């Protein structure tokens, strides 16, 4: 059970738990990440995105600022930052 001052959501900016995402700034090869939850601390206003994944055969839960989480594309997340592609925080995925 999470503390009452933390709000967790299994959907955020058009992604749901289990959907693949890219993380900007991670240069490790052969990594894949899936969205787990969006978390907001109602006391401080801080927010983060929890993802699960990592290298093949290893699963880790990590937290990142929302502006570092991107919709997956053929381009790497590192190139996406250089190309000024919008993160899911600023450009949510639209439902079809």
N, C-alpha and C. Protein backbone atom coordinates (compact mmCIF):
# COMPACT_ATOMS: atom_id res chain seq x y z
N UNK A 1 0.85 -1.18 0.00
CA UNK A 1 0.00 0.00 0.00
C UNK A 1 0.89 1.24 0.00
N UNK A 2 0.58 2.19 -0.87
CA UNK A 2 1.40 3.39 -0.94
C UNK A 2 0.88 4.44 0.05
N UNK A 3 1.76 5.33 0.47
CA UNK A 3 1.34 6.40 1.38
C UNK A 3 0.22 7.24 0.77
N UNK A 4 -0.62 7.83 1.61
CA UNK A 4 -1.79 8.57 1.13
C UNK A 4 -1.43 9.84 0.36
N UNK A 5 -0.22 10.35 0.51
CA UNK A 5 0.16 11.57 -0.20
C UNK A 5 0.71 11.28 -1.60
N UNK A 6 0.77 10.00 -1.98
CA UNK A 6 1.22 9.64 -3.32
C UNK A 6 0.05 9.14 -4.14
N UNK A 7 -0.16 9.77 -5.30
CA UNK A 7 -1.20 9.33 -6.22
C UNK A 7 -0.54 8.54 -7.34
N UNK A 8 -0.98 7.31 -7.54
CA UNK A 8 -0.44 6.44 -8.60
C UNK A 8 -1.51 6.22 -9.65
N UNK A 9 -1.09 6.27 -10.91
CA UNK A 9 -2.01 6.01 -12.01
C UNK A 9 -1.36 5.04 -12.98
N UNK A 10 -2.12 4.03 -13.40
CA UNK A 10 -1.59 3.05 -14.35
C UNK A 10 -1.77 3.50 -15.79
N UNK A 11 -2.35 4.69 -16.00
CA UNK A 11 -2.47 5.32 -17.32
C UNK A 11 -1.98 6.76 -17.20
N UNK A 12 -1.26 7.20 -18.24
CA UNK A 12 -0.74 8.58 -18.24
C UNK A 12 -0.38 8.97 -19.68
N UNK A 13 -0.79 10.10 -20.12
CA UNK A 13 -0.44 10.65 -21.44
C UNK A 13 -0.64 9.64 -22.57
N UNK A 14 -1.68 8.85 -22.47
CA UNK A 14 -2.00 7.91 -23.53
C UNK A 14 -1.29 6.58 -23.46
N UNK A 15 -0.48 6.35 -22.44
CA UNK A 15 0.16 5.04 -22.28
C UNK A 15 -0.45 4.33 -21.08
N UNK A 16 -0.45 3.01 -21.16
CA UNK A 16 -0.98 2.18 -20.07
C UNK A 16 0.12 1.27 -19.56
N UNK A 17 -0.09 0.73 -18.38
CA UNK A 17 0.89 -0.19 -17.81
C UNK A 17 1.20 -1.29 -18.81
N UNK A 18 2.49 -1.50 -19.07
CA UNK A 18 2.94 -2.51 -20.01
C UNK A 18 3.30 -1.99 -21.38
N UNK A 19 2.87 -0.75 -21.72
CA UNK A 19 3.20 -0.17 -23.02
C UNK A 19 4.68 0.18 -23.09
N UNK A 20 5.32 -0.06 -24.24
CA UNK A 20 6.74 0.28 -24.37
C UNK A 20 6.96 1.78 -24.41
N UNK A 21 8.05 2.23 -23.81
CA UNK A 21 8.44 3.63 -23.83
C UNK A 21 9.95 3.71 -24.01
N UNK A 22 10.44 4.87 -24.41
CA UNK A 22 11.88 5.14 -24.49
C UNK A 22 12.23 6.16 -23.43
N UNK A 23 13.44 6.06 -22.93
CA UNK A 23 13.93 6.99 -21.91
C UNK A 23 15.10 7.76 -22.50
N UNK A 24 14.98 9.08 -22.52
CA UNK A 24 16.04 9.94 -23.05
C UNK A 24 17.23 9.92 -22.10
N UNK A 25 18.42 9.90 -22.68
CA UNK A 25 19.62 9.99 -21.89
C UNK A 25 20.22 8.67 -21.47
N UNK A 26 19.53 7.57 -21.71
CA UNK A 26 20.09 6.27 -21.39
C UNK A 26 20.75 5.73 -22.66
N UNK A 27 22.05 5.52 -22.59
CA UNK A 27 22.78 5.12 -23.79
C UNK A 27 23.07 3.63 -23.84
N UNK A 28 22.59 2.86 -22.90
CA UNK A 28 22.87 1.42 -22.88
C UNK A 28 22.18 0.74 -24.06
N UNK A 29 22.91 -0.14 -24.71
CA UNK A 29 22.34 -0.89 -25.83
C UNK A 29 21.49 -2.03 -25.33
N UNK A 30 20.62 -2.49 -26.19
CA UNK A 30 19.78 -3.66 -25.91
C UNK A 30 18.95 -3.50 -24.64
N UNK A 31 18.45 -2.32 -24.42
CA UNK A 31 17.55 -2.11 -23.28
C UNK A 31 16.15 -1.85 -23.80
N UNK A 32 15.17 -2.25 -23.04
CA UNK A 32 13.79 -1.94 -23.37
C UNK A 32 13.07 -1.62 -22.06
N UNK A 33 12.15 -0.69 -22.16
CA UNK A 33 11.42 -0.22 -20.98
C UNK A 33 9.93 -0.26 -21.25
N UNK A 34 9.16 -0.55 -20.22
CA UNK A 34 7.70 -0.53 -20.28
C UNK A 34 7.17 0.38 -19.19
N UNK A 35 6.14 1.13 -19.52
CA UNK A 35 5.50 2.01 -18.56
C UNK A 35 4.89 1.19 -17.44
N UNK A 36 5.06 1.64 -16.23
CA UNK A 36 4.50 0.95 -15.07
C UNK A 36 3.45 1.84 -14.38
N UNK A 37 3.82 3.09 -14.05
CA UNK A 37 2.88 3.98 -13.37
C UNK A 37 3.37 5.42 -13.42
N UNK A 38 2.43 6.32 -13.32
CA UNK A 38 2.71 7.74 -13.13
C UNK A 38 2.42 8.02 -11.67
N UNK A 39 3.35 8.70 -11.00
CA UNK A 39 3.20 8.95 -9.56
C UNK A 39 3.34 10.44 -9.30
N UNK A 40 2.46 10.96 -8.45
CA UNK A 40 2.51 12.38 -8.07
C UNK A 40 2.41 12.48 -6.56
N UNK A 41 3.34 13.26 -5.98
CA UNK A 41 3.33 13.53 -4.55
C UNK A 41 2.47 14.77 -4.36
N UNK A 42 1.29 14.62 -3.76
CA UNK A 42 0.36 15.74 -3.62
C UNK A 42 0.86 16.79 -2.62
N UNK A 43 1.74 16.41 -1.73
CA UNK A 43 2.28 17.38 -0.76
C UNK A 43 3.29 18.32 -1.41
N UNK A 44 4.15 17.78 -2.25
CA UNK A 44 5.25 18.58 -2.81
C UNK A 44 5.06 18.94 -4.28
N UNK A 45 4.12 18.28 -4.96
CA UNK A 45 3.91 18.53 -6.38
C UNK A 45 4.89 17.79 -7.28
N UNK A 46 5.83 17.06 -6.69
CA UNK A 46 6.78 16.29 -7.50
C UNK A 46 6.04 15.20 -8.25
N UNK A 47 6.55 14.88 -9.45
CA UNK A 47 5.95 13.81 -10.23
C UNK A 47 7.05 13.02 -10.93
N UNK A 48 6.79 11.75 -11.17
CA UNK A 48 7.75 10.90 -11.85
C UNK A 48 7.00 9.77 -12.53
N UNK A 49 7.71 9.11 -13.42
CA UNK A 49 7.17 7.96 -14.15
C UNK A 49 7.99 6.74 -13.77
N UNK A 50 7.30 5.69 -13.37
CA UNK A 50 7.97 4.43 -13.05
C UNK A 50 7.92 3.54 -14.29
N UNK A 51 9.06 2.96 -14.62
CA UNK A 51 9.16 2.04 -15.75
C UNK A 51 9.81 0.76 -15.26
N UNK A 52 9.61 -0.30 -16.02
CA UNK A 52 10.24 -1.58 -15.69
C UNK A 52 10.93 -2.07 -16.95
N UNK A 53 12.09 -2.69 -16.76
CA UNK A 53 12.82 -3.22 -17.91
C UNK A 53 14.31 -3.13 -17.69
N UNK A 54 15.02 -2.89 -18.78
CA UNK A 54 16.48 -2.81 -18.74
C UNK A 54 17.06 -3.72 -19.79
N UNK A 55 18.21 -4.27 -19.51
CA UNK A 55 18.86 -5.20 -20.44
C UNK A 55 18.10 -6.52 -20.50
N UNK A 56 18.30 -7.23 -21.61
CA UNK A 56 17.64 -8.52 -21.79
C UNK A 56 17.98 -9.45 -20.62
N UNK A 57 16.97 -10.10 -20.08
CA UNK A 57 17.17 -11.02 -18.97
C UNK A 57 17.20 -10.39 -17.60
N UNK A 58 17.18 -9.08 -17.54
CA UNK A 58 17.19 -8.38 -16.25
C UNK A 58 16.03 -7.41 -16.21
N UNK A 59 15.28 -7.43 -15.13
CA UNK A 59 14.16 -6.50 -14.97
C UNK A 59 14.44 -5.62 -13.76
N UNK A 60 14.34 -4.34 -13.96
CA UNK A 60 14.53 -3.39 -12.87
C UNK A 60 13.43 -2.35 -12.94
N UNK A 61 13.01 -1.85 -11.80
CA UNK A 61 12.05 -0.75 -11.76
C UNK A 61 12.85 0.52 -11.54
N UNK A 62 12.65 1.50 -12.42
CA UNK A 62 13.35 2.77 -12.32
C UNK A 62 12.34 3.90 -12.42
N UNK A 63 12.71 5.06 -11.90
CA UNK A 63 11.86 6.25 -11.94
C UNK A 63 12.57 7.35 -12.74
N UNK A 64 11.80 8.07 -13.56
CA UNK A 64 12.34 9.15 -14.37
C UNK A 64 11.38 10.33 -14.37
N UNK A 65 11.93 11.52 -14.59
CA UNK A 65 11.09 12.70 -14.74
C UNK A 65 10.23 12.53 -15.99
N UNK A 66 8.99 13.00 -15.97
CA UNK A 66 8.09 12.81 -17.12
C UNK A 66 8.65 13.32 -18.45
N UNK A 67 9.42 14.40 -18.44
CA UNK A 67 9.94 14.95 -19.68
C UNK A 67 11.02 14.09 -20.33
N UNK A 68 11.45 13.03 -19.66
CA UNK A 68 12.45 12.10 -20.21
C UNK A 68 11.82 10.86 -20.83
N UNK A 69 10.49 10.75 -20.76
CA UNK A 69 9.80 9.56 -21.24
C UNK A 69 9.17 9.87 -22.61
N UNK A 70 9.51 9.02 -23.60
CA UNK A 70 9.08 9.22 -24.97
C UNK A 70 8.33 8.01 -25.49
N UNK A 71 7.48 8.28 -26.47
CA UNK A 71 6.84 7.23 -27.23
C UNK A 71 7.92 6.52 -28.03
N UNK A 72 7.92 5.21 -28.11
CA UNK A 72 8.97 4.54 -28.87
C UNK A 72 8.87 4.85 -30.36
N UNK A 73 10.02 4.90 -31.01
CA UNK A 73 10.08 5.15 -32.44
C UNK A 73 11.33 4.45 -32.98
N UNK A 74 11.48 4.42 -34.29
CA UNK A 74 12.70 3.82 -34.85
C UNK A 74 13.97 4.54 -34.42
N UNK A 75 13.86 5.83 -34.11
CA UNK A 75 15.03 6.58 -33.64
C UNK A 75 15.31 6.25 -32.19
N UNK A 76 16.55 6.38 -31.79
CA UNK A 76 16.89 6.16 -30.39
C UNK A 76 16.43 7.35 -29.56
N UNK A 77 16.23 7.15 -28.28
CA UNK A 77 15.81 8.24 -27.40
C UNK A 77 16.86 9.34 -27.35
N UNK A 78 18.12 8.97 -27.47
CA UNK A 78 19.18 9.97 -27.44
C UNK A 78 19.08 10.90 -28.64
N UNK A 79 18.83 10.33 -29.83
CA UNK A 79 18.67 11.16 -31.02
C UNK A 79 17.39 11.99 -30.93
N UNK A 80 16.39 11.45 -30.26
CA UNK A 80 15.12 12.17 -30.13
C UNK A 80 15.32 13.48 -29.39
N UNK A 81 16.15 13.47 -28.38
CA UNK A 81 16.40 14.70 -27.63
C UNK A 81 17.10 15.71 -28.53
N UNK A 82 18.07 15.24 -29.30
CA UNK A 82 18.77 16.14 -30.22
C UNK A 82 17.82 16.72 -31.25
N UNK A 83 16.86 15.91 -31.70
CA UNK A 83 15.91 16.36 -32.73
C UNK A 83 14.76 17.15 -32.12
N UNK A 84 14.78 17.34 -30.82
CA UNK A 84 13.74 18.09 -30.11
C UNK A 84 12.36 17.45 -30.26
N UNK A 85 12.32 16.12 -30.30
CA UNK A 85 11.05 15.41 -30.33
C UNK A 85 10.35 15.65 -29.00
N UNK A 86 9.05 15.75 -29.02
CA UNK A 86 8.28 16.03 -27.80
C UNK A 86 8.13 14.78 -26.95
N UNK A 87 8.31 14.93 -25.65
CA UNK A 87 8.12 13.81 -24.72
C UNK A 87 6.63 13.56 -24.52
N UNK A 88 6.29 12.46 -23.90
CA UNK A 88 4.90 12.16 -23.60
C UNK A 88 4.30 13.17 -22.62
N UNK A 89 5.14 13.79 -21.81
CA UNK A 89 4.66 14.79 -20.85
C UNK A 89 4.10 16.01 -21.57
N UNK A 90 4.74 16.41 -22.68
CA UNK A 90 4.29 17.60 -23.39
C UNK A 90 3.43 17.29 -24.61
N UNK A 91 3.47 16.05 -25.08
CA UNK A 91 2.69 15.66 -26.25
C UNK A 91 2.13 14.25 -26.03
N UNK A 92 1.00 14.16 -25.33
CA UNK A 92 0.45 12.84 -25.01
C UNK A 92 0.05 12.06 -26.27
N UNK A 93 0.09 10.76 -26.14
CA UNK A 93 -0.36 9.87 -27.21
C UNK A 93 -1.88 10.01 -27.33
N UNK A 94 -2.37 10.14 -28.54
CA UNK A 94 -3.81 10.29 -28.76
C UNK A 94 -4.46 8.93 -28.97
N UNK A 95 -5.66 8.74 -28.43
CA UNK A 95 -6.35 7.46 -28.65
C UNK A 95 -6.82 7.35 -30.10
N UNK A 96 -6.83 6.13 -30.61
CA UNK A 96 -7.28 5.90 -31.99
C UNK A 96 -8.73 5.53 -32.02
